[in-house]
Amino acid sequence: MKIAIVTLDGFNEIDSFVALSILNRAKSDGVCAEITGMGDTVTSLNGVTVSVQKPLSFAAQADAVIFGSGIHTRDHINTPDLMAELSLDPSRQWIGAQGSGALFLHRLGLLPATITTDAQTRSVLGRADTIVEDRPLVAQGNIVTAGGCLSSGYLAGWMLAKHLGMDKALSILEFVAPIGQKSQFSKQARDIISKQLDVPAKRPLYC
């Protein structure tokens, strides 16, 4: 499974790096997540510059796509050249968005009728015809949204569970969990992720 982690200037390090690390712990099972963006490098909201592994056009070819949050998301979604590269298809791709990444879904016409996001983005999406729930993870069909920076582990776990099954996903999440809290974290992750694995696409699916 090829996964594009859309990472643009001003990105939130937790969103991109945590998902990248967790997902790539399943490389032996054929999972490969890569930092996907414009140009050769991107710089985070805290000034960390990293190399782009795949061009933004890779998102259209990937089996799964994750949009992380960032401080320039509203600028990015108003950049025609950037948005023109994002030709996604939820009928064949799993598409995830964390925090302000939900704004990409909205601009692409892929925002589910039920989502979660962060407090700042909730106010921006206030006029959208969607229900914003106070939960760390909300899925609808092949689209999943996550709210709060540290929910990135649940988002990555959701994609692993969809591809490899819940037991394999939990084994990976438990491996990265804090010592002394592995069982507790695994139980919590199972409870959150399992309820979002087979949620049917509601009508209307997109807003």
N, C-alpha and C. Protein backbone atom coordinates (compact mmCIF):
# COMPACT_ATOMS: atom_id res chain seq x y z
N MET A 1 0.85 -1.20 0.00
CA MET A 1 0.00 0.00 0.00
C MET A 1 0.88 1.24 0.00
N LYS A 2 0.68 2.10 -0.98
CA LYS A 2 1.42 3.34 -1.10
C LYS A 2 0.60 4.47 -0.49
N ILE A 3 1.23 5.21 0.42
CA ILE A 3 0.52 6.27 1.15
C ILE A 3 1.23 7.61 0.95
N ALA A 4 0.48 8.61 0.51
CA ALA A 4 1.00 9.96 0.35
C ALA A 4 0.63 10.79 1.57
N ILE A 5 1.63 11.26 2.30
CA ILE A 5 1.38 12.15 3.43
C ILE A 5 1.62 13.57 2.92
N VAL A 6 0.54 14.25 2.57
CA VAL A 6 0.65 15.59 1.99
C VAL A 6 1.19 16.55 3.04
N THR A 7 2.38 17.07 2.76
CA THR A 7 3.15 17.86 3.72
C THR A 7 3.62 19.13 3.03
N LEU A 8 3.08 20.26 3.44
CA LEU A 8 3.37 21.54 2.77
C LEU A 8 3.98 22.53 3.76
N ASP A 9 4.53 23.62 3.24
CA ASP A 9 5.18 24.60 4.11
C ASP A 9 4.23 25.03 5.24
N GLY A 10 4.79 25.11 6.45
CA GLY A 10 4.02 25.46 7.63
C GLY A 10 3.35 24.28 8.28
N PHE A 11 3.75 23.05 7.86
CA PHE A 11 3.08 21.85 8.36
C PHE A 11 3.35 21.59 9.84
N ASN A 12 2.42 20.89 10.45
CA ASN A 12 2.54 20.47 11.84
C ASN A 12 3.37 19.18 11.88
N GLU A 13 4.49 19.23 12.57
CA GLU A 13 5.40 18.08 12.59
C GLU A 13 4.74 16.82 13.15
N ILE A 14 3.92 16.96 14.17
CA ILE A 14 3.29 15.79 14.78
C ILE A 14 2.44 15.04 13.76
N ASP A 15 1.67 15.78 12.97
CA ASP A 15 0.79 15.15 11.99
C ASP A 15 1.58 14.30 10.98
N SER A 16 2.57 14.91 10.37
CA SER A 16 3.29 14.23 9.30
C SER A 16 4.26 13.16 9.81
N PHE A 17 5.06 13.50 10.81
CA PHE A 17 6.12 12.59 11.24
C PHE A 17 5.61 11.39 12.03
N VAL A 18 4.60 11.60 12.88
CA VAL A 18 4.06 10.47 13.65
C VAL A 18 3.40 9.47 12.71
N ALA A 19 2.60 9.97 11.77
CA ALA A 19 1.95 9.07 10.81
C ALA A 19 3.00 8.36 9.97
N LEU A 20 4.02 9.09 9.51
CA LEU A 20 5.08 8.50 8.69
C LEU A 20 5.77 7.37 9.44
N SER A 21 6.12 7.61 10.70
CA SER A 21 6.84 6.62 11.49
C SER A 21 6.00 5.38 11.76
N ILE A 22 4.74 5.59 12.17
CA ILE A 22 3.88 4.45 12.51
C ILE A 22 3.57 3.62 11.28
N LEU A 23 3.19 4.25 10.20
CA LEU A 23 2.82 3.52 8.98
C LEU A 23 3.99 2.73 8.42
N ASN A 24 5.17 3.30 8.44
CA ASN A 24 6.33 2.61 7.86
C ASN A 24 6.88 1.49 8.74
N ARG A 25 6.31 1.31 9.92
CA ARG A 25 6.66 0.14 10.72
C ARG A 25 6.01 -1.13 10.15
N ALA A 26 5.19 -0.95 9.11
CA ALA A 26 4.57 -2.09 8.43
C ALA A 26 5.17 -2.28 7.04
N LYS A 27 6.41 -1.83 6.85
CA LYS A 27 7.06 -1.97 5.54
C LYS A 27 7.17 -3.43 5.11
N SER A 28 7.41 -4.32 6.05
CA SER A 28 7.53 -5.73 5.71
C SER A 28 6.21 -6.31 5.21
N ASP A 29 5.12 -5.58 5.46
CA ASP A 29 3.80 -6.00 4.97
C ASP A 29 3.39 -5.24 3.72
N GLY A 30 4.36 -4.54 3.13
CA GLY A 30 4.08 -3.85 1.87
C GLY A 30 3.58 -2.43 2.00
N VAL A 31 3.63 -1.86 3.19
CA VAL A 31 3.18 -0.48 3.39
C VAL A 31 4.35 0.47 3.21
N CYS A 32 4.13 1.54 2.46
CA CYS A 32 5.18 2.54 2.27
C CYS A 32 4.55 3.93 2.27
N ALA A 33 4.81 4.69 3.31
CA ALA A 33 4.31 6.06 3.42
C ALA A 33 5.45 7.03 3.11
N GLU A 34 5.14 8.09 2.36
CA GLU A 34 6.19 9.04 1.98
C GLU A 34 5.70 10.48 2.09
N ILE A 35 6.63 11.36 2.46
CA ILE A 35 6.34 12.78 2.53
C ILE A 35 6.13 13.29 1.11
N THR A 36 4.97 13.86 0.89
CA THR A 36 4.56 14.26 -0.46
C THR A 36 4.26 15.75 -0.47
N GLY A 37 4.90 16.48 -1.38
CA GLY A 37 4.70 17.92 -1.37
C GLY A 37 5.19 18.58 -2.64
N MET A 38 5.32 19.90 -2.59
CA MET A 38 5.78 20.68 -3.74
C MET A 38 7.23 21.10 -3.55
N GLY A 39 8.00 21.06 -4.62
CA GLY A 39 9.40 21.43 -4.54
C GLY A 39 10.25 20.33 -3.94
N ASP A 40 11.48 20.67 -3.60
CA ASP A 40 12.42 19.68 -3.07
C ASP A 40 12.38 19.57 -1.55
N THR A 41 12.00 20.65 -0.88
CA THR A 41 11.95 20.65 0.59
C THR A 41 10.70 21.37 1.07
N VAL A 42 10.32 21.08 2.32
CA VAL A 42 9.24 21.82 2.98
C VAL A 42 9.71 22.17 4.38
N THR A 43 9.20 23.29 4.89
CA THR A 43 9.61 23.76 6.21
C THR A 43 8.40 23.80 7.13
N SER A 44 8.55 23.23 8.31
CA SER A 44 7.45 23.10 9.26
C SER A 44 7.14 24.42 9.95
N LEU A 45 6.08 24.41 10.76
CA LEU A 45 5.68 25.61 11.49
C LEU A 45 6.72 26.02 12.52
N ASN A 46 7.60 25.08 12.90
CA ASN A 46 8.68 25.40 13.85
C ASN A 46 10.04 25.51 13.18
N GLY A 47 10.04 25.64 11.86
CA GLY A 47 11.29 25.89 11.14
C GLY A 47 12.12 24.67 10.81
N VAL A 48 11.55 23.47 10.90
CA VAL A 48 12.27 22.25 10.55
C VAL A 48 12.09 21.98 9.06
N THR A 49 13.19 21.92 8.32
CA THR A 49 13.14 21.69 6.88
C THR A 49 13.49 20.25 6.56
N VAL A 50 12.65 19.60 5.76
CA VAL A 50 12.86 18.20 5.38
C VAL A 50 12.71 18.04 3.88
N SER A 51 13.29 16.96 3.37
CA SER A 51 13.20 16.67 1.94
C SER A 51 11.83 16.10 1.59
N VAL A 52 11.34 16.49 0.43
CA VAL A 52 10.10 15.92 -0.10
C VAL A 52 10.47 14.62 -0.82
N GLN A 53 9.77 13.54 -0.47
CA GLN A 53 10.08 12.24 -1.05
C GLN A 53 9.34 11.97 -2.35
N LYS A 54 8.13 12.53 -2.47
CA LYS A 54 7.33 12.34 -3.67
C LYS A 54 6.69 13.67 -4.06
N PRO A 55 6.52 13.92 -5.37
CA PRO A 55 5.84 15.15 -5.80
C PRO A 55 4.36 15.07 -5.45
N LEU A 56 3.72 16.22 -5.42
CA LEU A 56 2.32 16.27 -5.03
C LEU A 56 1.43 15.42 -5.94
N SER A 57 1.82 15.27 -7.19
CA SER A 57 1.04 14.47 -8.13
C SER A 57 0.95 13.00 -7.69
N PHE A 58 1.85 12.56 -6.81
CA PHE A 58 1.84 11.19 -6.31
C PHE A 58 0.55 10.88 -5.55
N ALA A 59 -0.07 11.91 -4.98
CA ALA A 59 -1.30 11.71 -4.21
C ALA A 59 -2.39 11.06 -5.07
N ALA A 60 -2.43 11.39 -6.35
CA ALA A 60 -3.46 10.84 -7.23
C ALA A 60 -3.23 9.36 -7.50
N GLN A 61 -1.98 8.91 -7.37
CA GLN A 61 -1.64 7.52 -7.66
C GLN A 61 -1.66 6.64 -6.42
N ALA A 62 -1.56 7.25 -5.26
CA ALA A 62 -1.43 6.50 -4.01
C ALA A 62 -2.70 5.73 -3.66
N ASP A 63 -2.52 4.69 -2.85
CA ASP A 63 -3.67 3.93 -2.36
C ASP A 63 -4.36 4.66 -1.21
N ALA A 64 -3.61 5.50 -0.52
CA ALA A 64 -4.15 6.26 0.61
C ALA A 64 -3.46 7.61 0.67
N VAL A 65 -4.18 8.60 1.17
CA VAL A 65 -3.66 9.97 1.25
C VAL A 65 -4.00 10.53 2.62
N ILE A 66 -3.03 11.22 3.22
CA ILE A 66 -3.27 11.89 4.50
C ILE A 66 -2.93 13.37 4.35
N PHE A 67 -3.88 14.23 4.74
CA PHE A 67 -3.64 15.66 4.79
C PHE A 67 -3.44 16.05 6.26
N GLY A 68 -2.25 16.50 6.59
CA GLY A 68 -2.01 16.98 7.94
C GLY A 68 -2.42 18.43 8.07
N SER A 69 -2.30 18.96 9.27
CA SER A 69 -2.65 20.36 9.49
C SER A 69 -1.42 21.24 9.36
N GLY A 70 -1.63 22.53 9.40
CA GLY A 70 -0.51 23.46 9.29
C GLY A 70 -1.00 24.90 9.42
N ILE A 71 -0.05 25.82 9.55
CA ILE A 71 -0.42 27.22 9.76
C ILE A 71 -0.76 27.95 8.46
N HIS A 72 -0.46 27.33 7.32
CA HIS A 72 -0.73 27.98 6.03
C HIS A 72 -1.79 27.24 5.21
N THR A 73 -2.58 26.40 5.85
CA THR A 73 -3.54 25.58 5.10
C THR A 73 -4.48 26.43 4.26
N ARG A 74 -4.98 27.52 4.83
CA ARG A 74 -5.93 28.34 4.07
C ARG A 74 -5.27 28.98 2.84
N ASP A 75 -3.98 29.29 2.94
CA ASP A 75 -3.26 29.78 1.76
C ASP A 75 -3.10 28.68 0.72
N HIS A 76 -2.78 27.48 1.19
CA HIS A 76 -2.55 26.37 0.25
C HIS A 76 -3.81 26.02 -0.54
N ILE A 77 -4.96 25.99 0.13
CA ILE A 77 -6.18 25.59 -0.58
C ILE A 77 -6.63 26.67 -1.56
N ASN A 78 -6.04 27.86 -1.46
CA ASN A 78 -6.35 28.94 -2.40
C ASN A 78 -5.26 29.13 -3.44
N THR A 79 -4.41 28.11 -3.59
CA THR A 79 -3.34 28.13 -4.59
C THR A 79 -3.73 27.20 -5.74
N PRO A 80 -4.17 27.74 -6.88
CA PRO A 80 -4.69 26.91 -7.97
C PRO A 80 -3.72 25.83 -8.46
N ASP A 81 -2.45 26.17 -8.62
CA ASP A 81 -1.48 25.18 -9.13
C ASP A 81 -1.35 24.00 -8.18
N LEU A 82 -1.39 24.28 -6.89
CA LEU A 82 -1.30 23.22 -5.89
C LEU A 82 -2.54 22.33 -5.93
N MET A 83 -3.70 22.94 -5.89
CA MET A 83 -4.93 22.16 -5.85
C MET A 83 -5.15 21.36 -7.13
N ALA A 84 -4.63 21.85 -8.25
CA ALA A 84 -4.79 21.14 -9.52
C ALA A 84 -4.08 19.80 -9.51
N GLU A 85 -3.09 19.63 -8.62
CA GLU A 85 -2.35 18.37 -8.53
C GLU A 85 -3.12 17.31 -7.74
N LEU A 86 -4.15 17.72 -7.03
CA LEU A 86 -4.85 16.82 -6.12
C LEU A 86 -6.13 16.27 -6.75
N SER A 87 -5.95 15.26 -7.57
CA SER A 87 -7.09 14.59 -8.19
C SER A 87 -7.30 13.27 -7.47
N LEU A 88 -8.20 13.28 -6.47
CA LEU A 88 -8.38 12.12 -5.62
C LEU A 88 -9.70 11.41 -5.91
N ASP A 89 -9.75 10.14 -5.54
CA ASP A 89 -10.92 9.32 -5.82
C ASP A 89 -11.25 8.45 -4.61
N PRO A 90 -12.22 8.85 -3.79
CA PRO A 90 -12.54 8.08 -2.58
C PRO A 90 -13.16 6.72 -2.86
N SER A 91 -13.48 6.43 -4.10
CA SER A 91 -14.01 5.10 -4.41
C SER A 91 -12.89 4.06 -4.47
N ARG A 92 -11.64 4.54 -4.63
CA ARG A 92 -10.51 3.60 -4.68
C ARG A 92 -9.38 3.97 -3.72
N GLN A 93 -9.50 5.11 -3.05
CA GLN A 93 -8.46 5.55 -2.12
C GLN A 93 -9.04 5.75 -0.72
N TRP A 94 -8.21 5.47 0.29
CA TRP A 94 -8.54 5.89 1.65
C TRP A 94 -7.96 7.29 1.81
N ILE A 95 -8.77 8.21 2.28
CA ILE A 95 -8.35 9.60 2.39
C ILE A 95 -8.55 10.07 3.82
N GLY A 96 -7.46 10.51 4.44
CA GLY A 96 -7.52 10.96 5.82
C GLY A 96 -7.14 12.43 5.93
N ALA A 97 -7.71 13.11 6.91
CA ALA A 97 -7.37 14.51 7.16
C ALA A 97 -7.34 14.75 8.65
N GLN A 98 -6.32 15.49 9.06
CA GLN A 98 -6.17 15.80 10.47
C GLN A 98 -6.21 17.30 10.67
N GLY A 99 -6.96 17.75 11.68
CA GLY A 99 -7.02 19.17 11.97
C GLY A 99 -7.44 19.98 10.75
N SER A 100 -6.67 21.01 10.42
CA SER A 100 -7.01 21.87 9.29
C SER A 100 -6.88 21.16 7.95
N GLY A 101 -6.37 19.95 7.94
CA GLY A 101 -6.35 19.17 6.71
C GLY A 101 -7.75 18.95 6.17
N ALA A 102 -8.76 19.06 7.05
CA ALA A 102 -10.15 18.93 6.61
C ALA A 102 -10.54 20.01 5.61
N LEU A 103 -9.82 21.13 5.62
CA LEU A 103 -10.10 22.20 4.66
C LEU A 103 -9.79 21.76 3.24
N PHE A 104 -8.81 20.88 3.08
CA PHE A 104 -8.53 20.32 1.75
C PHE A 104 -9.72 19.50 1.28
N LEU A 105 -10.28 18.69 2.16
CA LEU A 105 -11.45 17.89 1.79
C LEU A 105 -12.60 18.79 1.37
N HIS A 106 -12.79 19.86 2.11
CA HIS A 106 -13.88 20.79 1.79
C HIS A 106 -13.67 21.42 0.43
N ARG A 107 -12.46 21.90 0.15
CA ARG A 107 -12.19 22.56 -1.13
C ARG A 107 -12.28 21.58 -2.30
N LEU A 108 -11.95 20.32 -2.05
CA LEU A 108 -12.02 19.29 -3.10
C LEU A 108 -13.41 18.70 -3.28
N GLY A 109 -14.35 19.13 -2.44
CA GLY A 109 -15.70 18.60 -2.51
C GLY A 109 -15.81 17.21 -1.92
N LEU A 110 -14.90 16.88 -1.01
CA LEU A 110 -14.87 15.54 -0.42
C LEU A 110 -15.14 15.53 1.08
N LEU A 111 -15.59 16.64 1.62
CA LEU A 111 -15.81 16.71 3.06
C LEU A 111 -17.02 15.86 3.43
N PRO A 112 -16.85 14.86 4.29
CA PRO A 112 -17.98 14.03 4.69
C PRO A 112 -19.02 14.82 5.47
N ALA A 113 -20.22 14.26 5.54
CA ALA A 113 -21.30 14.93 6.26
C ALA A 113 -21.08 14.91 7.77
N THR A 114 -20.18 14.01 8.23
CA THR A 114 -19.83 13.94 9.66
C THR A 114 -18.31 13.86 9.77
N ILE A 115 -17.71 14.77 10.55
CA ILE A 115 -16.26 14.80 10.67
C ILE A 115 -15.85 15.13 12.10
N THR A 116 -14.53 15.16 12.32
CA THR A 116 -13.95 15.77 13.51
C THR A 116 -12.77 16.61 13.04
N THR A 117 -12.39 17.60 13.83
CA THR A 117 -11.26 18.46 13.48
C THR A 117 -10.83 19.19 14.74
N ASP A 118 -9.92 20.15 14.60
CA ASP A 118 -9.49 20.92 15.76
C ASP A 118 -10.40 22.12 15.97
N ALA A 119 -10.25 22.78 17.11
CA ALA A 119 -11.15 23.88 17.48
C ALA A 119 -11.09 25.03 16.49
N GLN A 120 -9.89 25.37 16.00
CA GLN A 120 -9.77 26.49 15.08
C GLN A 120 -10.46 26.20 13.75
N THR A 121 -10.26 24.97 13.25
CA THR A 121 -10.86 24.62 11.96
C THR A 121 -12.37 24.47 12.07
N ARG A 122 -12.83 24.04 13.23
CA ARG A 122 -14.29 23.93 13.45
C ARG A 122 -14.97 25.27 13.17
N SER A 123 -14.36 26.36 13.64
CA SER A 123 -14.97 27.67 13.43
C SER A 123 -14.94 28.07 11.95
N VAL A 124 -13.90 27.66 11.24
CA VAL A 124 -13.80 27.98 9.81
C VAL A 124 -14.85 27.22 9.01
N LEU A 125 -15.12 25.98 9.43
CA LEU A 125 -16.09 25.14 8.72
C LEU A 125 -17.51 25.33 9.25
N GLY A 126 -17.71 26.35 10.06
CA GLY A 126 -19.00 26.56 10.68
C GLY A 126 -20.15 26.69 9.70
N ARG A 127 -19.88 27.18 8.50
CA ARG A 127 -20.94 27.38 7.52
C ARG A 127 -21.08 26.19 6.57
N ALA A 128 -20.19 25.22 6.70
CA ALA A 128 -20.28 24.03 5.83
C ALA A 128 -21.42 23.13 6.31
N ASP A 129 -22.01 22.43 5.38
CA ASP A 129 -23.13 21.55 5.72
C ASP A 129 -22.59 20.22 6.24
N THR A 130 -21.96 20.29 7.39
CA THR A 130 -21.37 19.09 7.98
C THR A 130 -21.53 19.12 9.49
N ILE A 131 -21.52 17.95 10.11
CA ILE A 131 -21.60 17.83 11.57
C ILE A 131 -20.20 17.58 12.10
N VAL A 132 -19.73 18.41 13.02
CA VAL A 132 -18.41 18.24 13.62
C VAL A 132 -18.58 17.63 15.00
N GLU A 133 -18.04 16.44 15.18
CA GLU A 133 -18.19 15.73 16.45
C GLU A 133 -16.95 15.87 17.32
N ASP A 134 -17.15 15.79 18.63
CA ASP A 134 -16.05 15.87 19.58
C ASP A 134 -15.49 14.47 19.84
N ARG A 135 -14.84 13.93 18.84
CA ARG A 135 -14.21 12.62 18.94
C ARG A 135 -12.86 12.66 18.26
N PRO A 136 -11.92 11.80 18.66
CA PRO A 136 -10.59 11.83 18.06
C PRO A 136 -10.55 11.32 16.63
N LEU A 137 -11.52 10.47 16.26
CA LEU A 137 -11.50 9.86 14.94
C LEU A 137 -12.93 9.64 14.46
N VAL A 138 -13.22 10.07 13.24
CA VAL A 138 -14.55 9.88 12.66
C VAL A 138 -14.38 9.46 11.20
N ALA A 139 -14.93 8.30 10.85
CA ALA A 139 -14.85 7.80 9.47
C ALA A 139 -16.23 7.79 8.84
N GLN A 140 -16.23 7.97 7.54
CA GLN A 140 -17.45 7.85 6.76
C GLN A 140 -17.05 7.31 5.39
N GLY A 141 -17.43 6.06 5.13
CA GLY A 141 -16.97 5.44 3.90
C GLY A 141 -15.45 5.30 3.93
N ASN A 142 -14.80 5.74 2.86
CA ASN A 142 -13.34 5.65 2.75
C ASN A 142 -12.62 6.91 3.19
N ILE A 143 -13.36 7.83 3.83
CA ILE A 143 -12.75 9.08 4.29
C ILE A 143 -12.78 9.12 5.81
N VAL A 144 -11.64 9.49 6.39
CA VAL A 144 -11.53 9.52 7.85
C VAL A 144 -10.91 10.85 8.27
N THR A 145 -11.44 11.43 9.35
CA THR A 145 -10.89 12.67 9.87
C THR A 145 -10.46 12.47 11.32
N ALA A 146 -9.44 13.20 11.72
CA ALA A 146 -8.91 13.11 13.07
C ALA A 146 -8.84 14.50 13.68
N GLY A 147 -9.12 14.59 14.97
CA GLY A 147 -9.11 15.88 15.65
C GLY A 147 -8.09 15.91 16.77
N GLY A 148 -7.22 16.91 16.76
CA GLY A 148 -6.18 17.02 17.78
C GLY A 148 -4.88 16.40 17.29
N CYS A 149 -3.77 17.07 17.56
CA CYS A 149 -2.47 16.63 17.03
C CYS A 149 -2.15 15.18 17.37
N LEU A 150 -2.36 14.78 18.62
CA LEU A 150 -1.96 13.43 19.03
C LEU A 150 -2.91 12.35 18.55
N SER A 151 -3.94 12.72 17.82
CA SER A 151 -4.81 11.71 17.22
C SER A 151 -4.18 11.12 15.96
N SER A 152 -3.01 11.62 15.58
CA SER A 152 -2.33 11.11 14.38
C SER A 152 -2.06 9.62 14.48
N GLY A 153 -1.82 9.12 15.70
CA GLY A 153 -1.61 7.69 15.88
C GLY A 153 -2.85 6.89 15.56
N TYR A 154 -4.02 7.41 15.91
CA TYR A 154 -5.27 6.73 15.61
C TYR A 154 -5.54 6.75 14.10
N LEU A 155 -5.20 7.86 13.46
CA LEU A 155 -5.40 7.96 12.01
C LEU A 155 -4.52 6.94 11.28
N ALA A 156 -3.25 6.87 11.68
CA ALA A 156 -2.36 5.89 11.08
C ALA A 156 -2.84 4.47 11.39
N GLY A 157 -3.29 4.25 12.62
CA GLY A 157 -3.79 2.94 13.02
C GLY A 157 -5.02 2.53 12.22
N TRP A 158 -5.88 3.49 11.91
CA TRP A 158 -7.07 3.21 11.11
C TRP A 158 -6.68 2.68 9.73
N MET A 159 -5.70 3.33 9.12
CA MET A 159 -5.27 2.88 7.79
C MET A 159 -4.61 1.51 7.85
N LEU A 160 -3.82 1.27 8.88
CA LEU A 160 -3.19 -0.05 9.04
C LEU A 160 -4.25 -1.12 9.27
N ALA A 161 -5.26 -0.80 10.08
CA ALA A 161 -6.31 -1.76 10.36
C ALA A 161 -7.12 -2.07 9.11
N LYS A 162 -7.38 -1.06 8.29
CA LYS A 162 -8.12 -1.28 7.05
C LYS A 162 -7.34 -2.19 6.11
N HIS A 163 -6.03 -2.03 6.10
CA HIS A 163 -5.19 -2.78 5.16
C HIS A 163 -4.74 -4.12 5.69
N LEU A 164 -4.38 -4.18 6.97
CA LEU A 164 -3.75 -5.38 7.53
C LEU A 164 -4.57 -6.06 8.61
N GLY A 165 -5.66 -5.44 9.03
CA GLY A 165 -6.47 -6.00 10.11
C GLY A 165 -6.16 -5.34 11.44
N MET A 166 -7.11 -5.41 12.35
CA MET A 166 -6.98 -4.73 13.64
C MET A 166 -5.83 -5.27 14.49
N ASP A 167 -5.65 -6.58 14.52
CA ASP A 167 -4.60 -7.15 15.38
C ASP A 167 -3.22 -6.65 14.98
N LYS A 168 -2.94 -6.61 13.68
CA LYS A 168 -1.63 -6.13 13.20
C LYS A 168 -1.47 -4.65 13.53
N ALA A 169 -2.52 -3.87 13.31
CA ALA A 169 -2.46 -2.44 13.60
C ALA A 169 -2.17 -2.19 15.08
N LEU A 170 -2.84 -2.94 15.93
CA LEU A 170 -2.65 -2.76 17.36
C LEU A 170 -1.27 -3.18 17.81
N SER A 171 -0.71 -4.19 17.19
CA SER A 171 0.64 -4.62 17.56
C SER A 171 1.65 -3.52 17.27
N ILE A 172 1.43 -2.78 16.20
CA ILE A 172 2.32 -1.67 15.85
C ILE A 172 2.10 -0.50 16.80
N LEU A 173 0.86 -0.17 17.08
CA LEU A 173 0.58 0.94 17.99
C LEU A 173 1.06 0.63 19.40
N GLU A 174 0.92 -0.61 19.82
CA GLU A 174 1.37 -1.00 21.15
C GLU A 174 2.89 -0.90 21.26
N PHE A 175 3.58 -1.17 20.17
CA PHE A 175 5.04 -1.10 20.17
C PHE A 175 5.53 0.32 20.43
N VAL A 176 4.80 1.33 19.92
CA VAL A 176 5.25 2.72 20.10
C VAL A 176 4.62 3.38 21.34
N ALA A 177 3.75 2.67 22.03
CA ALA A 177 3.08 3.23 23.21
C ALA A 177 4.07 3.40 24.37
N PRO A 178 3.78 4.31 25.30
CA PRO A 178 4.66 4.52 26.45
C PRO A 178 4.78 3.25 27.30
N ILE A 179 5.96 3.04 27.82
CA ILE A 179 6.19 1.90 28.72
C ILE A 179 5.31 2.05 29.95
N GLY A 180 4.70 0.95 30.35
CA GLY A 180 3.81 0.97 31.49
C GLY A 180 2.38 1.30 31.12
N GLN A 181 2.16 1.70 29.84
CA GLN A 181 0.81 2.06 29.40
C GLN A 181 0.41 1.31 28.13
N LYS A 182 1.19 0.31 27.76
CA LYS A 182 0.95 -0.37 26.49
C LYS A 182 -0.43 -1.03 26.43
N SER A 183 -0.80 -1.76 27.46
CA SER A 183 -2.10 -2.42 27.46
C SER A 183 -3.23 -1.40 27.46
N GLN A 184 -3.06 -0.37 28.27
CA GLN A 184 -4.07 0.68 28.35
C GLN A 184 -4.23 1.38 27.01
N PHE A 185 -3.11 1.72 26.38
CA PHE A 185 -3.15 2.42 25.10
C PHE A 185 -3.75 1.54 24.01
N SER A 186 -3.36 0.25 24.01
CA SER A 186 -3.88 -0.68 23.01
C SER A 186 -5.39 -0.82 23.14
N LYS A 187 -5.88 -0.92 24.35
CA LYS A 187 -7.32 -1.05 24.58
C LYS A 187 -8.06 0.20 24.10
N GLN A 188 -7.50 1.35 24.40
CA GLN A 188 -8.13 2.61 23.99
C GLN A 188 -8.11 2.74 22.48
N ALA A 189 -6.99 2.38 21.85
CA ALA A 189 -6.89 2.47 20.39
C ALA A 189 -7.88 1.52 19.72
N ARG A 190 -8.01 0.32 20.26
CA ARG A 190 -8.98 -0.63 19.69
C ARG A 190 -10.40 -0.07 19.76
N ASP A 191 -10.73 0.50 20.91
CA ASP A 191 -12.08 1.03 21.09
C ASP A 191 -12.37 2.16 20.12
N ILE A 192 -11.39 3.03 19.91
CA ILE A 192 -11.59 4.19 19.04
C ILE A 192 -11.59 3.78 17.57
N ILE A 193 -10.62 2.96 17.17
CA ILE A 193 -10.46 2.63 15.75
C ILE A 193 -11.51 1.64 15.26
N SER A 194 -11.79 0.60 16.05
CA SER A 194 -12.69 -0.47 15.60
C SER A 194 -14.08 0.06 15.25
N LYS A 195 -14.53 1.08 15.98
CA LYS A 195 -15.86 1.63 15.72
C LYS A 195 -15.93 2.43 14.43
N GLN A 196 -14.76 2.74 13.85
CA GLN A 196 -14.72 3.56 12.63
C GLN A 196 -14.30 2.77 11.39
N LEU A 197 -14.14 1.48 11.50
CA LEU A 197 -13.61 0.71 10.37
C LEU A 197 -14.63 0.43 9.28
N ASP A 198 -15.85 0.16 9.64
CA ASP A 198 -16.85 -0.23 8.66
C ASP A 198 -18.06 0.68 8.68
N VAL A 199 -17.82 1.96 8.82
CA VAL A 199 -18.91 2.93 8.83
C VAL A 199 -19.37 3.16 7.39
N PRO A 200 -20.62 2.91 7.08
CA PRO A 200 -21.08 3.10 5.70
C PRO A 200 -21.10 4.57 5.32
N ALA A 201 -20.96 4.81 4.04
CA ALA A 201 -21.04 6.18 3.54
C ALA A 201 -22.48 6.65 3.64
N LYS A 202 -22.71 7.71 4.40
CA LYS A 202 -24.06 8.23 4.56
C LYS A 202 -24.43 9.14 3.39
N ARG A 203 -25.68 9.43 3.28
CA ARG A 203 -26.14 10.36 2.25
C ARG A 203 -26.68 11.62 2.91
N PRO A 204 -26.27 12.81 2.44
CA PRO A 204 -25.28 13.00 1.39
C PRO A 204 -23.88 12.73 1.93
N LEU A 205 -23.06 12.08 1.12
CA LEU A 205 -21.72 11.73 1.57
C LEU A 205 -20.82 12.97 1.66
N TYR A 206 -20.86 13.78 0.64
CA TYR A 206 -19.96 14.93 0.60
C TYR A 206 -20.72 16.25 0.64
N CYS A 207 -20.09 17.22 1.27
CA CYS A 207 -20.71 18.54 1.41
C CYS A 207 -19.98 19.56 0.55
